N, C-alpha and C. Protein backbone atom coordinates (compact mmCIF):
# COMPACT_ATOMS: atom_id res chain seq x y z
N UNK A 1 67.81 25.19 44.63
CA UNK A 1 68.28 24.17 45.55
C UNK A 1 67.88 22.78 45.05
N UNK A 2 68.66 21.77 45.43
CA UNK A 2 68.36 20.40 45.06
C UNK A 2 67.55 19.76 46.18
N UNK A 3 66.32 19.41 45.88
CA UNK A 3 65.41 18.86 46.88
C UNK A 3 65.51 17.34 46.88
N UNK A 4 65.95 16.77 48.00
CA UNK A 4 66.11 15.33 48.14
C UNK A 4 65.49 14.88 49.46
N UNK A 5 65.29 13.57 49.59
CA UNK A 5 64.76 13.05 50.85
C UNK A 5 65.76 13.26 51.99
N UNK A 6 67.06 13.16 51.70
CA UNK A 6 68.06 13.41 52.74
C UNK A 6 68.00 14.85 53.24
N UNK A 7 67.75 15.78 52.31
CA UNK A 7 67.63 17.18 52.71
C UNK A 7 66.42 17.38 53.62
N UNK A 8 65.28 16.81 53.25
CA UNK A 8 64.07 16.94 54.07
C UNK A 8 64.31 16.34 55.45
N UNK A 9 64.96 15.18 55.48
CA UNK A 9 65.24 14.52 56.75
C UNK A 9 66.11 15.39 57.65
N UNK A 10 67.13 16.02 57.07
CA UNK A 10 68.03 16.88 57.84
C UNK A 10 67.30 18.10 58.37
N UNK A 11 66.44 18.72 57.52
CA UNK A 11 65.71 19.92 57.95
C UNK A 11 64.63 19.56 58.97
N UNK A 12 64.07 18.38 58.84
CA UNK A 12 63.09 17.90 59.84
C UNK A 12 63.75 17.81 61.21
N UNK A 13 64.93 17.22 61.26
CA UNK A 13 65.65 17.12 62.52
C UNK A 13 66.03 18.50 63.06
N UNK A 14 66.48 19.36 62.15
CA UNK A 14 66.88 20.72 62.53
C UNK A 14 65.73 21.47 63.20
N UNK A 15 64.56 21.47 62.58
CA UNK A 15 63.44 22.21 63.11
C UNK A 15 62.80 21.53 64.32
N UNK A 16 62.93 20.24 64.40
CA UNK A 16 62.42 19.54 65.59
C UNK A 16 63.08 20.10 66.85
N UNK A 17 64.39 20.31 66.77
CA UNK A 17 65.12 20.80 67.93
C UNK A 17 65.03 22.31 68.08
N UNK A 18 65.05 23.06 66.99
CA UNK A 18 64.95 24.51 67.08
C UNK A 18 63.63 24.93 67.72
N UNK A 19 62.55 24.29 67.30
CA UNK A 19 61.23 24.64 67.83
C UNK A 19 61.09 24.14 69.26
N UNK A 20 61.70 23.01 69.58
CA UNK A 20 61.73 22.52 70.96
C UNK A 20 62.42 23.53 71.88
N UNK A 21 63.51 24.13 71.41
CA UNK A 21 64.24 25.11 72.21
C UNK A 21 63.39 26.33 72.55
N UNK A 22 62.36 26.59 71.73
CA UNK A 22 61.45 27.70 72.00
C UNK A 22 60.30 27.29 72.91
N UNK A 23 60.27 26.02 73.32
CA UNK A 23 59.23 25.55 74.24
C UNK A 23 57.88 25.33 73.60
N UNK A 24 57.85 25.15 72.27
CA UNK A 24 56.57 25.03 71.56
C UNK A 24 56.10 23.59 71.50
N UNK A 25 57.02 22.64 71.37
CA UNK A 25 56.65 21.23 71.42
C UNK A 25 57.75 20.42 72.08
N UNK A 26 57.43 19.15 72.38
CA UNK A 26 58.36 18.25 73.05
C UNK A 26 59.05 17.38 72.01
N UNK A 27 60.37 17.49 71.91
CA UNK A 27 61.10 16.82 70.84
C UNK A 27 60.99 15.30 70.92
N UNK A 28 60.81 14.74 72.12
CA UNK A 28 60.77 13.28 72.26
C UNK A 28 59.42 12.69 71.88
N UNK A 29 58.44 13.54 71.60
CA UNK A 29 57.11 13.03 71.28
C UNK A 29 56.88 12.86 69.78
N UNK A 30 57.95 12.97 69.00
CA UNK A 30 57.85 12.67 67.58
C UNK A 30 58.14 11.20 67.36
N UNK A 31 57.21 10.53 66.68
CA UNK A 31 57.40 9.13 66.31
C UNK A 31 58.10 9.07 64.94
N UNK A 32 58.60 7.89 64.55
CA UNK A 32 59.28 7.79 63.24
C UNK A 32 58.39 8.23 62.08
N UNK A 33 59.02 8.79 61.07
CA UNK A 33 58.31 9.22 59.88
C UNK A 33 59.23 9.01 58.67
N UNK A 34 58.64 8.65 57.54
CA UNK A 34 59.40 8.50 56.31
C UNK A 34 59.31 9.80 55.50
N UNK A 35 60.21 9.94 54.53
CA UNK A 35 60.25 11.16 53.72
C UNK A 35 60.26 10.79 52.24
N UNK A 36 59.62 11.63 51.46
CA UNK A 36 59.57 11.38 50.01
C UNK A 36 59.47 12.70 49.26
N UNK A 37 60.15 12.78 48.13
CA UNK A 37 60.02 13.90 47.21
C UNK A 37 59.31 13.40 45.97
N UNK A 38 58.27 14.10 45.56
CA UNK A 38 57.54 13.73 44.36
C UNK A 38 57.54 14.87 43.36
N UNK A 39 57.23 14.51 42.12
CA UNK A 39 57.17 15.52 41.06
C UNK A 39 55.94 16.38 41.24
N UNK A 40 55.80 17.34 40.38
CA UNK A 40 54.77 18.37 40.48
C UNK A 40 53.37 17.80 40.70
N UNK A 41 52.63 18.45 41.61
CA UNK A 41 51.25 18.11 41.87
C UNK A 41 50.40 19.36 41.71
N UNK A 42 49.24 19.21 41.09
CA UNK A 42 48.32 20.33 40.96
C UNK A 42 47.40 20.44 42.18
N UNK A 43 47.52 19.49 43.10
CA UNK A 43 46.64 19.47 44.27
C UNK A 43 47.36 19.85 45.56
N UNK A 44 48.61 19.37 45.72
CA UNK A 44 49.33 19.56 46.98
C UNK A 44 50.68 20.23 46.76
N UNK A 45 51.12 20.96 47.79
CA UNK A 45 52.50 21.41 47.88
C UNK A 45 53.30 20.46 48.76
N UNK A 46 52.62 19.93 49.78
CA UNK A 46 53.23 18.97 50.70
C UNK A 46 52.10 18.21 51.36
N UNK A 47 52.46 17.10 52.01
CA UNK A 47 51.42 16.24 52.59
C UNK A 47 51.98 15.38 53.71
N UNK A 48 51.24 15.31 54.83
CA UNK A 48 51.52 14.30 55.85
C UNK A 48 50.53 13.17 55.62
N UNK A 49 51.04 11.98 55.38
CA UNK A 49 50.20 10.85 54.99
C UNK A 49 50.40 9.70 55.96
N UNK A 50 49.30 9.16 56.46
CA UNK A 50 49.35 7.98 57.34
C UNK A 50 48.68 6.80 56.63
N UNK A 51 49.40 5.68 56.61
CA UNK A 51 48.88 4.46 56.00
C UNK A 51 49.01 3.32 56.99
N UNK A 52 47.94 2.53 57.10
CA UNK A 52 47.97 1.39 58.02
C UNK A 52 48.51 0.16 57.28
N UNK A 53 49.58 -0.40 57.80
CA UNK A 53 50.18 -1.62 57.25
C UNK A 53 50.24 -2.66 58.37
N UNK A 54 49.54 -3.76 58.16
CA UNK A 54 49.43 -4.81 59.19
C UNK A 54 49.00 -4.20 60.52
N UNK A 55 48.02 -3.32 60.43
CA UNK A 55 47.39 -2.68 61.59
C UNK A 55 48.31 -1.72 62.34
N UNK A 56 49.44 -1.38 61.72
CA UNK A 56 50.35 -0.42 62.34
C UNK A 56 50.46 0.80 61.43
N UNK A 57 50.45 2.00 62.04
CA UNK A 57 50.54 3.21 61.21
C UNK A 57 51.95 3.42 60.68
N UNK A 58 52.04 3.76 59.41
CA UNK A 58 53.30 4.17 58.78
C UNK A 58 53.10 5.59 58.28
N UNK A 59 53.86 6.51 58.83
CA UNK A 59 53.69 7.93 58.53
C UNK A 59 54.74 8.41 57.54
N UNK A 60 54.33 9.34 56.69
CA UNK A 60 55.23 9.85 55.66
C UNK A 60 54.98 11.34 55.45
N UNK A 61 56.06 12.09 55.28
CA UNK A 61 55.98 13.49 54.86
C UNK A 61 56.43 13.55 53.41
N UNK A 62 55.57 14.10 52.56
CA UNK A 62 55.83 14.19 51.13
C UNK A 62 55.94 15.66 50.76
N UNK A 63 56.99 16.01 50.05
CA UNK A 63 57.15 17.35 49.51
C UNK A 63 57.13 17.25 47.99
N UNK A 64 56.31 18.08 47.36
CA UNK A 64 56.17 18.05 45.90
C UNK A 64 57.07 19.11 45.27
N UNK A 65 57.77 18.72 44.23
CA UNK A 65 58.66 19.63 43.51
C UNK A 65 57.83 20.40 42.50
N UNK A 66 57.11 21.42 42.98
CA UNK A 66 56.12 22.09 42.15
C UNK A 66 56.68 23.19 41.27
N UNK A 67 57.88 23.64 41.52
CA UNK A 67 58.51 24.61 40.63
C UNK A 67 60.01 24.53 40.85
N UNK A 68 60.80 25.01 39.88
CA UNK A 68 62.24 24.75 39.91
C UNK A 68 62.99 25.39 41.07
N UNK A 69 62.72 26.65 41.36
CA UNK A 69 63.53 27.39 42.33
C UNK A 69 62.80 27.53 43.66
N UNK A 70 62.78 26.46 44.42
CA UNK A 70 62.13 26.47 45.73
C UNK A 70 63.16 26.94 46.76
N UNK A 71 62.87 28.06 47.40
CA UNK A 71 63.82 28.63 48.36
C UNK A 71 63.87 27.81 49.64
N UNK A 72 64.92 28.01 50.41
CA UNK A 72 65.07 27.31 51.69
C UNK A 72 63.90 27.65 52.60
N UNK A 73 63.53 28.93 52.66
CA UNK A 73 62.42 29.35 53.54
C UNK A 73 61.12 28.69 53.12
N UNK A 74 60.86 28.63 51.82
CA UNK A 74 59.62 28.03 51.33
C UNK A 74 59.57 26.54 51.66
N UNK A 75 60.65 25.82 51.39
CA UNK A 75 60.68 24.38 51.66
C UNK A 75 60.60 24.12 53.17
N UNK A 76 61.35 24.87 53.96
CA UNK A 76 61.30 24.69 55.41
C UNK A 76 59.89 24.93 55.95
N UNK A 77 59.20 25.93 55.40
CA UNK A 77 57.84 26.22 55.85
C UNK A 77 56.90 25.06 55.52
N UNK A 78 57.08 24.44 54.34
CA UNK A 78 56.29 23.26 54.00
C UNK A 78 56.57 22.11 54.95
N UNK A 79 57.85 21.88 55.23
CA UNK A 79 58.23 20.79 56.11
C UNK A 79 57.64 20.98 57.50
N UNK A 80 57.79 22.18 58.06
CA UNK A 80 57.30 22.42 59.41
C UNK A 80 55.77 22.36 59.45
N UNK A 81 55.12 22.82 58.39
CA UNK A 81 53.66 22.68 58.30
C UNK A 81 53.26 21.21 58.50
N UNK A 82 53.94 20.32 57.77
CA UNK A 82 53.61 18.89 57.89
C UNK A 82 54.07 18.32 59.22
N UNK A 83 55.10 18.89 59.82
CA UNK A 83 55.54 18.45 61.15
C UNK A 83 54.49 18.75 62.20
N UNK A 84 53.77 19.85 62.03
CA UNK A 84 52.68 20.15 62.97
C UNK A 84 51.61 19.07 62.87
N UNK A 85 51.24 18.71 61.64
CA UNK A 85 50.28 17.60 61.47
C UNK A 85 50.82 16.33 62.11
N UNK A 86 52.08 16.04 61.86
CA UNK A 86 52.71 14.85 62.43
C UNK A 86 52.60 14.85 63.95
N UNK A 87 52.94 15.96 64.57
CA UNK A 87 52.95 16.04 66.04
C UNK A 87 51.53 15.86 66.61
N UNK A 88 50.55 16.50 65.97
CA UNK A 88 49.17 16.39 66.44
C UNK A 88 48.65 14.97 66.30
N UNK A 89 48.87 14.37 65.14
CA UNK A 89 48.33 13.03 64.87
C UNK A 89 49.05 11.97 65.68
N UNK A 90 50.37 12.05 65.75
CA UNK A 90 51.12 11.01 66.46
C UNK A 90 50.89 11.05 67.96
N UNK A 91 50.44 12.17 68.48
CA UNK A 91 50.18 12.28 69.91
C UNK A 91 48.69 12.32 70.24
N UNK A 92 47.84 12.03 69.23
CA UNK A 92 46.39 11.97 69.43
C UNK A 92 45.86 13.22 70.10
N UNK A 93 46.32 14.37 69.66
CA UNK A 93 45.87 15.64 70.23
C UNK A 93 44.57 16.06 69.55
N UNK A 94 43.57 16.42 70.32
CA UNK A 94 42.27 16.78 69.73
C UNK A 94 42.32 18.15 69.05
N UNK A 95 41.73 18.21 67.87
CA UNK A 95 41.59 19.47 67.16
C UNK A 95 40.25 19.46 66.45
N UNK A 96 39.73 20.63 66.14
CA UNK A 96 38.38 20.73 65.56
C UNK A 96 38.32 20.22 64.13
N UNK A 97 39.40 20.40 63.36
CA UNK A 97 39.48 19.89 62.00
C UNK A 97 40.95 19.85 61.58
N UNK A 98 41.22 19.58 60.31
CA UNK A 98 42.60 19.41 59.85
C UNK A 98 43.47 20.61 60.19
N UNK A 99 42.94 21.80 59.98
CA UNK A 99 43.67 23.03 60.32
C UNK A 99 42.87 23.81 61.35
N UNK A 100 42.54 23.12 62.44
CA UNK A 100 41.73 23.72 63.49
C UNK A 100 42.51 24.65 64.40
N UNK A 101 41.90 24.94 65.54
CA UNK A 101 42.49 25.93 66.45
C UNK A 101 43.83 25.47 67.01
N UNK A 102 44.00 24.18 67.28
CA UNK A 102 45.28 23.68 67.80
C UNK A 102 46.38 23.83 66.75
N UNK A 103 46.07 23.42 65.52
CA UNK A 103 47.04 23.57 64.44
C UNK A 103 47.45 25.03 64.31
N UNK A 104 46.49 25.93 64.30
CA UNK A 104 46.77 27.35 64.11
C UNK A 104 47.56 27.92 65.28
N UNK A 105 47.34 27.39 66.48
CA UNK A 105 48.13 27.84 67.63
C UNK A 105 49.60 27.48 67.44
N UNK A 106 49.86 26.23 67.05
CA UNK A 106 51.23 25.83 66.74
C UNK A 106 51.81 26.71 65.63
N UNK A 107 51.05 26.88 64.55
CA UNK A 107 51.51 27.64 63.40
C UNK A 107 51.87 29.08 63.79
N UNK A 108 50.97 29.72 64.52
CA UNK A 108 51.21 31.12 64.89
C UNK A 108 52.38 31.27 65.85
N UNK A 109 52.51 30.34 66.78
CA UNK A 109 53.63 30.41 67.73
C UNK A 109 54.98 30.20 67.02
N UNK A 110 55.00 29.28 66.08
CA UNK A 110 56.24 29.01 65.34
C UNK A 110 56.59 30.18 64.43
N UNK A 111 55.60 30.71 63.71
CA UNK A 111 55.86 31.87 62.86
C UNK A 111 56.38 33.06 63.67
N UNK A 112 55.81 33.25 64.85
CA UNK A 112 56.23 34.36 65.71
C UNK A 112 57.65 34.16 66.20
N UNK A 113 58.03 32.91 66.47
CA UNK A 113 59.37 32.63 66.99
C UNK A 113 60.44 32.73 65.90
N UNK A 114 60.06 32.49 64.64
CA UNK A 114 61.05 32.47 63.54
C UNK A 114 60.54 33.30 62.35
N UNK A 115 60.29 34.59 62.54
CA UNK A 115 59.68 35.40 61.48
C UNK A 115 60.53 35.54 60.22
N UNK A 116 61.85 35.45 60.36
CA UNK A 116 62.73 35.60 59.20
C UNK A 116 63.00 34.28 58.49
N UNK A 117 62.68 33.17 59.14
CA UNK A 117 63.05 31.87 58.59
C UNK A 117 61.87 31.03 58.12
N UNK A 118 60.68 31.30 58.67
CA UNK A 118 59.52 30.49 58.34
C UNK A 118 58.31 31.38 58.05
N UNK A 119 57.47 30.89 57.16
CA UNK A 119 56.18 31.53 56.89
C UNK A 119 55.17 30.43 56.64
N UNK A 120 54.70 29.81 57.72
CA UNK A 120 53.78 28.68 57.62
C UNK A 120 52.38 29.24 57.41
N UNK A 121 51.66 28.66 56.45
CA UNK A 121 50.30 29.09 56.14
C UNK A 121 49.38 27.88 56.08
N UNK A 122 48.09 28.13 56.28
CA UNK A 122 47.12 27.05 56.18
C UNK A 122 47.01 26.59 54.73
N UNK A 123 46.91 27.52 53.80
CA UNK A 123 46.89 27.20 52.38
C UNK A 123 48.07 27.88 51.73
N UNK A 124 49.06 27.11 51.35
CA UNK A 124 50.26 27.67 50.74
C UNK A 124 50.10 27.69 49.23
N UNK A 125 50.08 28.89 48.68
CA UNK A 125 49.92 29.04 47.24
C UNK A 125 51.25 28.82 46.54
N UNK A 126 51.19 28.17 45.40
CA UNK A 126 52.38 28.03 44.57
C UNK A 126 52.72 29.36 43.94
N UNK A 127 53.96 29.79 44.01
CA UNK A 127 54.33 30.95 43.20
C UNK A 127 54.08 30.63 41.72
N UNK A 128 53.72 31.65 40.97
CA UNK A 128 53.49 31.45 39.54
C UNK A 128 54.76 30.94 38.89
N UNK A 129 54.67 29.79 38.24
CA UNK A 129 55.87 29.21 37.65
C UNK A 129 55.96 29.60 36.18
N UNK A 130 57.15 29.86 35.74
CA UNK A 130 57.38 30.18 34.35
C UNK A 130 58.85 29.96 34.06
N UNK A 131 59.18 30.04 32.79
CA UNK A 131 60.56 29.84 32.41
C UNK A 131 60.78 28.45 31.84
N UNK A 132 61.96 28.19 31.32
CA UNK A 132 62.23 26.92 30.65
C UNK A 132 62.20 25.74 31.59
N UNK A 133 61.60 24.65 31.12
CA UNK A 133 61.58 23.41 31.88
C UNK A 133 62.23 22.30 31.06
N UNK A 134 62.03 21.08 31.49
CA UNK A 134 62.66 19.94 30.82
C UNK A 134 61.67 19.16 29.96
N UNK A 135 60.49 19.74 29.69
CA UNK A 135 59.49 19.09 28.85
C UNK A 135 59.11 20.04 27.71
N UNK A 136 58.70 19.46 26.59
CA UNK A 136 58.21 20.25 25.46
C UNK A 136 56.72 20.02 25.30
N UNK A 137 55.97 21.11 25.24
CA UNK A 137 54.52 21.04 25.15
C UNK A 137 54.07 21.36 23.73
N UNK A 138 53.29 20.47 23.08
CA UNK A 138 52.73 20.80 21.76
C UNK A 138 51.66 21.88 21.92
N UNK A 139 51.78 22.97 21.17
CA UNK A 139 50.86 24.09 21.29
C UNK A 139 50.11 24.26 19.96
N UNK A 140 48.80 24.33 20.05
CA UNK A 140 47.97 24.61 18.89
C UNK A 140 47.43 26.03 19.02
N UNK A 141 47.73 26.86 18.03
CA UNK A 141 47.23 28.24 18.00
C UNK A 141 46.13 28.33 16.93
N UNK A 142 44.92 28.68 17.38
CA UNK A 142 43.79 28.79 16.46
C UNK A 142 43.38 30.25 16.36
N UNK A 143 43.26 30.75 15.13
CA UNK A 143 42.91 32.15 14.90
C UNK A 143 41.41 32.29 14.67
N UNK A 144 40.77 33.09 15.52
CA UNK A 144 39.37 33.44 15.35
C UNK A 144 39.29 34.92 14.93
N UNK A 145 38.14 35.38 14.50
CA UNK A 145 38.06 36.77 14.01
C UNK A 145 38.56 37.81 15.01
N UNK A 146 38.33 37.59 16.31
CA UNK A 146 38.67 38.62 17.30
C UNK A 146 39.70 38.19 18.32
N UNK A 147 40.28 36.99 18.15
CA UNK A 147 41.20 36.48 19.17
C UNK A 147 41.99 35.30 18.64
N UNK A 148 43.06 34.97 19.38
CA UNK A 148 43.79 33.72 19.18
C UNK A 148 43.56 32.84 20.40
N UNK A 149 43.48 31.54 20.18
CA UNK A 149 43.36 30.59 21.28
C UNK A 149 44.59 29.69 21.26
N UNK A 150 45.35 29.70 22.37
CA UNK A 150 46.54 28.86 22.51
C UNK A 150 46.21 27.68 23.41
N UNK A 151 46.39 26.46 22.89
CA UNK A 151 45.97 25.26 23.61
C UNK A 151 47.16 24.31 23.80
N UNK A 152 47.21 23.72 24.98
CA UNK A 152 48.20 22.70 25.30
C UNK A 152 47.60 21.34 24.91
N UNK A 153 48.14 20.71 23.89
CA UNK A 153 47.54 19.49 23.33
C UNK A 153 48.29 18.25 23.83
N UNK A 154 47.52 17.26 24.23
CA UNK A 154 48.15 15.98 24.59
C UNK A 154 48.83 15.41 23.34
N UNK A 155 50.11 15.02 23.43
CA UNK A 155 50.84 14.57 22.23
C UNK A 155 50.11 13.50 21.43
N UNK A 156 49.46 12.57 22.10
CA UNK A 156 48.79 11.48 21.39
C UNK A 156 47.55 11.97 20.62
N UNK A 157 47.14 13.24 20.84
CA UNK A 157 45.93 13.77 20.19
C UNK A 157 46.25 14.79 19.11
N UNK A 158 47.52 14.91 18.75
CA UNK A 158 47.89 15.88 17.72
C UNK A 158 47.19 15.56 16.40
N UNK A 159 47.19 14.30 16.00
CA UNK A 159 46.53 13.90 14.76
C UNK A 159 45.05 14.20 14.80
N UNK A 160 44.41 13.93 15.94
CA UNK A 160 42.97 14.18 16.07
C UNK A 160 42.66 15.66 15.86
N UNK A 161 43.44 16.54 16.52
CA UNK A 161 43.14 17.97 16.42
C UNK A 161 43.53 18.54 15.06
N UNK A 162 44.54 17.96 14.40
CA UNK A 162 44.87 18.39 13.04
C UNK A 162 43.71 18.07 12.11
N UNK A 163 43.16 16.87 12.22
CA UNK A 163 42.02 16.49 11.39
C UNK A 163 40.80 17.34 11.70
N UNK A 164 40.58 17.63 12.99
CA UNK A 164 39.45 18.45 13.40
C UNK A 164 39.58 19.86 12.83
N UNK A 165 40.79 20.43 12.92
CA UNK A 165 41.02 21.78 12.42
C UNK A 165 40.77 21.87 10.92
N UNK A 166 41.23 20.85 10.18
CA UNK A 166 41.01 20.84 8.73
C UNK A 166 39.53 20.70 8.41
N UNK A 167 38.86 19.84 9.15
CA UNK A 167 37.43 19.59 8.91
C UNK A 167 36.58 20.82 9.22
N UNK A 168 37.00 21.57 10.27
CA UNK A 168 36.24 22.75 10.67
C UNK A 168 36.66 24.00 9.91
N UNK A 169 37.73 23.91 9.13
CA UNK A 169 38.18 25.06 8.38
C UNK A 169 38.83 26.13 9.22
N UNK A 170 39.43 25.73 10.36
CA UNK A 170 40.09 26.71 11.23
C UNK A 170 41.36 27.24 10.57
N UNK A 171 41.72 28.46 10.91
CA UNK A 171 43.05 28.97 10.62
C UNK A 171 43.90 28.68 11.85
N UNK A 172 44.95 27.92 11.66
CA UNK A 172 45.70 27.43 12.81
C UNK A 172 47.17 27.25 12.49
N UNK A 173 47.97 27.20 13.52
CA UNK A 173 49.39 26.86 13.44
C UNK A 173 49.75 25.95 14.60
N UNK A 174 50.62 25.00 14.32
CA UNK A 174 51.19 24.18 15.39
C UNK A 174 52.49 24.83 15.86
N UNK A 175 52.81 24.61 17.11
CA UNK A 175 54.06 25.09 17.66
C UNK A 175 54.44 24.27 18.89
N UNK A 176 55.44 24.71 19.59
CA UNK A 176 55.85 24.03 20.81
C UNK A 176 56.49 25.04 21.75
N UNK A 177 56.50 24.67 23.02
CA UNK A 177 57.12 25.52 24.03
C UNK A 177 57.63 24.64 25.16
N UNK A 178 58.75 25.05 25.77
CA UNK A 178 59.24 24.34 26.96
C UNK A 178 58.98 25.16 28.21
N UNK A 179 58.11 26.19 28.09
CA UNK A 179 57.85 27.05 29.24
C UNK A 179 56.93 26.35 30.24
N UNK A 180 57.29 26.43 31.52
CA UNK A 180 56.53 25.75 32.56
C UNK A 180 55.12 26.31 32.73
N UNK A 181 54.86 27.46 32.14
CA UNK A 181 53.51 28.02 32.19
C UNK A 181 52.49 27.02 31.67
N UNK A 182 52.85 26.28 30.64
CA UNK A 182 51.89 25.38 30.01
C UNK A 182 51.65 24.11 30.83
N UNK A 183 52.49 23.89 31.83
CA UNK A 183 52.24 22.76 32.71
C UNK A 183 51.01 23.00 33.57
N UNK A 184 50.60 24.27 33.70
CA UNK A 184 49.43 24.61 34.50
C UNK A 184 48.14 24.61 33.68
N UNK A 185 48.26 24.56 32.37
CA UNK A 185 47.07 24.51 31.52
C UNK A 185 46.66 23.06 31.29
N UNK A 186 45.38 22.80 31.41
CA UNK A 186 44.89 21.45 31.14
C UNK A 186 45.18 21.07 29.70
N UNK A 187 45.56 19.83 29.49
CA UNK A 187 45.84 19.34 28.15
C UNK A 187 44.53 19.00 27.43
N UNK A 188 44.44 19.42 26.18
CA UNK A 188 43.24 19.15 25.40
C UNK A 188 43.28 17.72 24.87
N UNK A 189 42.18 17.02 25.02
CA UNK A 189 42.08 15.66 24.50
C UNK A 189 40.91 15.49 23.53
N UNK A 190 39.80 16.22 23.75
CA UNK A 190 38.63 16.09 22.89
C UNK A 190 38.12 17.43 22.37
N UNK A 191 38.28 18.49 23.17
CA UNK A 191 37.81 19.80 22.75
C UNK A 191 38.84 20.85 23.12
N UNK A 192 38.77 21.98 22.44
CA UNK A 192 39.73 23.04 22.68
C UNK A 192 39.44 23.78 23.98
N UNK A 193 40.47 23.98 24.76
CA UNK A 193 40.42 24.85 25.93
C UNK A 193 41.83 25.38 26.14
N UNK A 194 41.94 26.64 26.39
CA UNK A 194 43.27 27.20 26.51
C UNK A 194 43.24 28.65 26.93
N UNK A 195 44.20 29.41 26.43
CA UNK A 195 44.36 30.81 26.84
C UNK A 195 44.04 31.70 25.65
N UNK A 196 43.12 32.66 25.88
CA UNK A 196 42.69 33.57 24.83
C UNK A 196 43.60 34.80 24.80
N UNK A 197 44.05 35.17 23.61
CA UNK A 197 44.94 36.31 23.44
C UNK A 197 44.38 37.23 22.36
N UNK A 198 44.31 38.52 22.66
CA UNK A 198 43.88 39.50 21.67
C UNK A 198 44.96 39.65 20.59
N UNK A 199 44.56 39.97 19.36
CA UNK A 199 45.55 40.10 18.28
C UNK A 199 46.69 41.05 18.60
N UNK A 200 46.41 42.16 19.27
CA UNK A 200 47.46 43.12 19.59
C UNK A 200 48.49 42.56 20.57
N UNK A 201 48.10 41.55 21.33
CA UNK A 201 49.00 40.98 22.35
C UNK A 201 49.63 39.67 21.91
N UNK A 202 49.32 39.23 20.70
CA UNK A 202 49.75 37.91 20.26
C UNK A 202 51.27 37.78 20.22
N UNK A 203 51.97 38.73 19.63
CA UNK A 203 53.43 38.64 19.51
C UNK A 203 54.10 38.64 20.88
N UNK A 204 53.59 39.47 21.79
CA UNK A 204 54.17 39.54 23.13
C UNK A 204 53.94 38.24 23.89
N UNK A 205 52.75 37.63 23.71
CA UNK A 205 52.44 36.36 24.38
C UNK A 205 53.37 35.26 23.88
N UNK A 206 53.57 35.19 22.56
CA UNK A 206 54.44 34.17 21.97
C UNK A 206 55.87 34.32 22.50
N UNK A 207 56.35 35.56 22.60
CA UNK A 207 57.71 35.78 23.09
C UNK A 207 57.83 35.47 24.58
N UNK A 208 56.84 35.91 25.36
CA UNK A 208 56.89 35.73 26.81
C UNK A 208 56.94 34.26 27.20
N UNK A 209 56.15 33.44 26.51
CA UNK A 209 56.03 32.03 26.91
C UNK A 209 56.79 31.09 25.96
N UNK A 210 57.77 31.65 25.24
CA UNK A 210 58.75 30.85 24.53
C UNK A 210 58.10 29.88 23.52
N UNK A 211 57.10 30.38 22.80
CA UNK A 211 56.40 29.55 21.84
C UNK A 211 57.09 29.66 20.49
N UNK A 212 57.42 28.52 19.91
CA UNK A 212 58.03 28.46 18.59
C UNK A 212 56.98 27.93 17.62
N UNK A 213 56.40 28.85 16.85
CA UNK A 213 55.36 28.48 15.90
C UNK A 213 55.98 28.00 14.59
N UNK A 214 55.45 26.95 14.03
CA UNK A 214 55.94 26.44 12.76
C UNK A 214 55.02 26.92 11.65
N UNK A 215 55.36 26.57 10.42
CA UNK A 215 54.55 26.99 9.29
C UNK A 215 53.54 25.93 8.88
N UNK A 216 53.55 24.80 9.58
CA UNK A 216 52.58 23.77 9.22
C UNK A 216 51.22 24.15 9.79
N UNK A 217 50.20 23.96 9.03
CA UNK A 217 48.87 24.34 9.47
C UNK A 217 48.15 25.07 8.37
N UNK A 218 47.09 25.78 8.73
CA UNK A 218 46.31 26.53 7.79
C UNK A 218 46.15 27.93 8.34
N UNK A 219 47.16 28.76 8.11
CA UNK A 219 47.17 30.10 8.68
C UNK A 219 46.70 31.15 7.69
């Protein structure tokens, strides 16, 4: 699906009234809110954010495009999750904490009313992302006696790690991949950190994560 601010706005309106029809909240008690779609975040799937501008609150619901194929149910669940925060905060309703008993009451009542359409959770885990993306990641494969280490290297540090590998006498190969798996691995800037692969699994790992190894290096 194509995730846009207009889509979020339409689904926000849709669920505002659907949930009102179930008697769970009052549709007229929602104050204005802005909508935004942002690129991938390693911290959030979605966020209700309040900012004070000239002493007046400006509220925003942000949905992060954390993986390519976000289903309608998944996105709707994120939106309604943030709508619960919106409703509680905009109406100054007391709760014990961010996801306290009041939040969970709303969440459980909504999930019960729409079991096939929504699955709201306190902590929504990202599905494991994989497959081709629109970015190319430089991959450094270093061979040790009992394993291979595959590292996602920051592009500006390729020269640094090439010099380091030569100085340390590593057996290594450079490669690249457009697989979204590597977007979840921290990029190396000063020291190696990555994914360890046993020699017997090396070919399968390279194929699975679309790694194209070149012949440059010291293999």
